[in-house]
Amino acid sequence: FDHDLVYNVLHGAKNSEHALQFFRWVERANIFEHNRETHLKIIEILGRASKLNHARCILLDMPKKGLEWDEDLWVLMIDSYGKAGIVQESVKLFQKMEELGV
């Protein structure tokens, strides 16, 4: 599988559950290594669906996969909590982002 294919499948997924299942399947099957863009896309999808715990776990697991965080990933996660009305968690994530030097 190439990055364009995986990104496009995620982008075209009809619901967040299918997107998450696909994201995890290609990774577990060792047929694809996710990159920054596929992580950003799944975090966006899960954030829009208010599946914030899943999105947060995916974000926090990135360094274990050899991927670096960047500001866009954290801002997307912070924004998702804010849009869900969970402002305290947005503030905590912002503080964590600063603490980690992102």
C-alpha atoms as a PDB file:
ATOM      1  CA  PHE A   1       0.000   0.000   0.000  1.00  0.00           C
ATOM      2  CA  ASP A   2       1.297   3.473  -0.716  1.00  0.00           C
ATOM      3  CA  HIS A   3       0.681   6.653   1.249  1.00  0.00           C
ATOM      4  CA  ASP A   4      -1.697   8.169  -1.300  1.00  0.00           C
ATOM      5  CA  LEU A   5      -3.921   5.089  -1.253  1.00  0.00           C
ATOM      6  CA  VAL A   6      -4.088   4.905   2.546  1.00  0.00           C
ATOM      7  CA  TYR A   7      -4.675   8.652   2.875  1.00  0.00           C
ATOM      8  CA  ASN A   8      -7.443   8.567   0.260  1.00  0.00           C
ATOM      9  CA  VAL A   9      -9.173   5.595   1.910  1.00  0.00           C
ATOM     10  CA  LEU A  10      -9.112   7.419   5.252  1.00  0.00           C
ATOM     11  CA  HIS A  11     -10.323  10.624   3.629  1.00  0.00           C
ATOM     12  CA  GLY A  12     -13.169   8.816   1.878  1.00  0.00           C
ATOM     13  CA  ALA A  13     -14.297   6.709   4.837  1.00  0.00           C
ATOM     14  CA  LYS A  14     -18.010   7.127   5.486  1.00  0.00           C
ATOM     15  CA  ASN A  15     -17.631   7.027   9.248  1.00  0.00           C
ATOM     16  CA  SER A  16     -14.938   7.369  11.860  1.00  0.00           C
ATOM     17  CA  GLU A  17     -15.194   3.758  13.027  1.00  0.00           C
ATOM     18  CA  HIS A  18     -14.407   2.433   9.552  1.00  0.00           C
ATOM     19  CA  ALA A  19     -11.532   4.890   9.213  1.00  0.00           C
ATOM     20  CA  LEU A  20     -10.070   3.797  12.552  1.00  0.00           C
ATOM     21  CA  GLN A  21     -10.444   0.102  11.712  1.00  0.00           C
ATOM     22  CA  PHE A  22      -8.661   0.620   8.397  1.00  0.00           C
ATOM     23  CA  PHE A  23      -5.917   2.731  10.023  1.00  0.00           C
ATOM     24  CA  ARG A  24      -5.207   0.009  12.576  1.00  0.00           C
ATOM     25  CA  TRP A  25      -5.578  -2.879  10.120  1.00  0.00           C
ATOM     26  CA  VAL A  26      -2.943  -1.677   7.646  1.00  0.00           C
ATOM     27  CA  GLU A  27      -0.573  -1.045  10.534  1.00  0.00           C
ATOM     28  CA  ARG A  28      -1.118  -4.398  12.277  1.00  0.00           C
ATOM     29  CA  ALA A  29      -0.884  -6.328   9.014  1.00  0.00           C
ATOM     30  CA  ASN A  30       2.566  -4.795   8.465  1.00  0.00           C
ATOM     31  CA  ILE A  31       1.599  -3.701   4.978  1.00  0.00           C
ATOM     32  CA  PHE A  32       1.968   0.007   5.656  1.00  0.00           C
ATOM     33  CA  GLU A  33       3.855   2.371   7.951  1.00  0.00           C
ATOM     34  CA  HIS A  34       1.827   5.441   8.800  1.00  0.00           C
ATOM     35  CA  ASN A  35       3.401   8.838   8.341  1.00  0.00           C
ATOM     36  CA  ARG A  36       2.596  12.299   9.652  1.00  0.00           C
ATOM     37  CA  GLU A  37      -0.131  12.874   7.057  1.00  0.00           C
ATOM     38  CA  THR A  38      -2.068   9.686   7.796  1.00  0.00           C
ATOM     39  CA  HIS A  39      -1.836  10.412  11.526  1.00  0.00           C
ATOM     40  CA  LEU A  40      -3.068  13.953  10.959  1.00  0.00           C
ATOM     41  CA  LYS A  41      -5.987  12.652   8.873  1.00  0.00           C
ATOM     42  CA  ILE A  42      -7.123  10.004  11.396  1.00  0.00           C
ATOM     43  CA  ILE A  43      -6.827  12.483  14.285  1.00  0.00           C
ATOM     44  CA  GLU A  44      -8.933  14.944  12.277  1.00  0.00           C
ATOM     45  CA  ILE A  45     -11.566  12.277  11.519  1.00  0.00           C
ATOM     46  CA  LEU A  46     -11.739  11.070  15.120  1.00  0.00           C
ATOM     47  CA  GLY A  47     -11.791  14.628  16.456  1.00  0.00           C
ATOM     48  CA  ARG A  48     -14.749  15.553  14.252  1.00  0.00           C
ATOM     49  CA  ALA A  49     -16.573  12.460  15.537  1.00  0.00           C
ATOM     50  CA  SER A  50     -15.740  13.368  19.166  1.00  0.00           C
ATOM     51  CA  LYS A  51     -13.759  10.138  19.570  1.00  0.00           C
ATOM     52  CA  LEU A  52     -11.173  12.103  21.448  1.00  0.00           C
ATOM     53  CA  ASN A  53      -9.675   9.301  23.529  1.00  0.00           C
ATOM     54  CA  HIS A  54      -8.840   7.342  20.373  1.00  0.00           C
ATOM     55  CA  ALA A  55      -7.405  10.451  18.715  1.00  0.00           C
ATOM     56  CA  ARG A  56      -5.326  11.293  21.761  1.00  0.00           C
ATOM     57  CA  CYS A  57      -3.909   7.755  22.004  1.00  0.00           C
ATOM     58  CA  ILE A  58      -2.908   7.867  18.343  1.00  0.00           C
ATOM     59  CA  LEU A  59      -1.205  11.229  18.859  1.00  0.00           C
ATOM     60  CA  LEU A  60       0.638  10.118  21.993  1.00  0.00           C
ATOM     61  CA  ASP A  61       1.783   6.844  20.378  1.00  0.00           C
ATOM     62  CA  MET A  62       3.496   8.566  17.448  1.00  0.00           C
ATOM     63  CA  PRO A  63       6.987   8.794  19.008  1.00  0.00           C
ATOM     64  CA  LYS A  64       6.897   5.035  19.717  1.00  0.00           C
ATOM     65  CA  LYS A  65       6.604   4.588  15.940  1.00  0.00           C
ATOM     66  CA  GLY A  66       9.552   6.874  15.266  1.00  0.00           C
ATOM     67  CA  LEU A  67       7.366   9.809  14.227  1.00  0.00           C
ATOM     68  CA  GLU A  68       7.887  13.306  15.570  1.00  0.00           C
ATOM     69  CA  TRP A  69       5.102  15.529  16.781  1.00  0.00           C
ATOM     70  CA  ASP A  70       4.578  18.916  15.263  1.00  0.00           C
ATOM     71  CA  GLU A  71       2.455  21.882  16.181  1.00  0.00           C
ATOM     72  CA  ASP A  72      -0.268  21.082  13.617  1.00  0.00           C
ATOM     73  CA  LEU A  73      -0.984  17.691  15.193  1.00  0.00           C
ATOM     74  CA  TRP A  74      -1.285  19.145  18.686  1.00  0.00           C
ATOM     75  CA  VAL A  75      -3.340  22.161  17.566  1.00  0.00           C
ATOM     76  CA  LEU A  76      -5.765  19.818  15.795  1.00  0.00           C
ATOM     77  CA  MET A  77      -6.156  17.771  18.982  1.00  0.00           C
ATOM     78  CA  ILE A  78      -6.526  20.887  21.170  1.00  0.00           C
ATOM     79  CA  ASP A  79      -9.104  22.304  18.748  1.00  0.00           C
ATOM     80  CA  SER A  80     -11.071  19.040  18.779  1.00  0.00           C
ATOM     81  CA  TYR A  81     -11.389  19.137  22.563  1.00  0.00           C
ATOM     82  CA  GLY A  82     -12.416  22.800  22.390  1.00  0.00           C
ATOM     83  CA  LYS A  83     -15.115  22.122  19.782  1.00  0.00           C
ATOM     84  CA  ALA A  84     -16.402  19.268  21.950  1.00  0.00           C
ATOM     85  CA  GLY A  85     -16.760  21.759  24.816  1.00  0.00           C
ATOM     86  CA  ILE A  86     -14.007  20.142  26.887  1.00  0.00           C
ATOM     87  CA  VAL A  87     -12.036  23.329  27.388  1.00  0.00           C
ATOM     88  CA  GLN A  88     -10.110  22.134  30.460  1.00  0.00           C
ATOM     89  CA  GLU A  89      -8.628  19.281  28.443  1.00  0.00           C
ATOM     90  CA  SER A  90      -7.695  21.713  25.660  1.00  0.00           C
ATOM     91  CA  VAL A  91      -5.778  23.796  28.175  1.00  0.00           C
ATOM     92  CA  LYS A  92      -4.061  20.689  29.618  1.00  0.00           C
ATOM     93  CA  LEU A  93      -3.000  19.573  26.144  1.00  0.00           C
ATOM     94  CA  PHE A  94      -1.673  23.034  25.334  1.00  0.00           C
ATOM     95  CA  GLN A  95       0.390  22.973  28.529  1.00  0.00           C
ATOM     96  CA  LYS A  96       1.631  19.455  27.722  1.00  0.00           C
ATOM     97  CA  MET A  97       2.586  20.599  24.217  1.00  0.00           C
ATOM     98  CA  GLU A  98       4.640  23.464  25.656  1.00  0.00           C
ATOM     99  CA  GLU A  99       6.168  21.167  28.290  1.00  0.00           C
ATOM    100  CA  LEU A 100       7.288  18.770  25.536  1.00  0.00           C
ATOM    101  CA  GLY A 101       8.701  21.627  23.481  1.00  0.00           C
ATOM    102  CA  VAL A 102       6.453  21.057  20.481  1.00  0.00           C
END
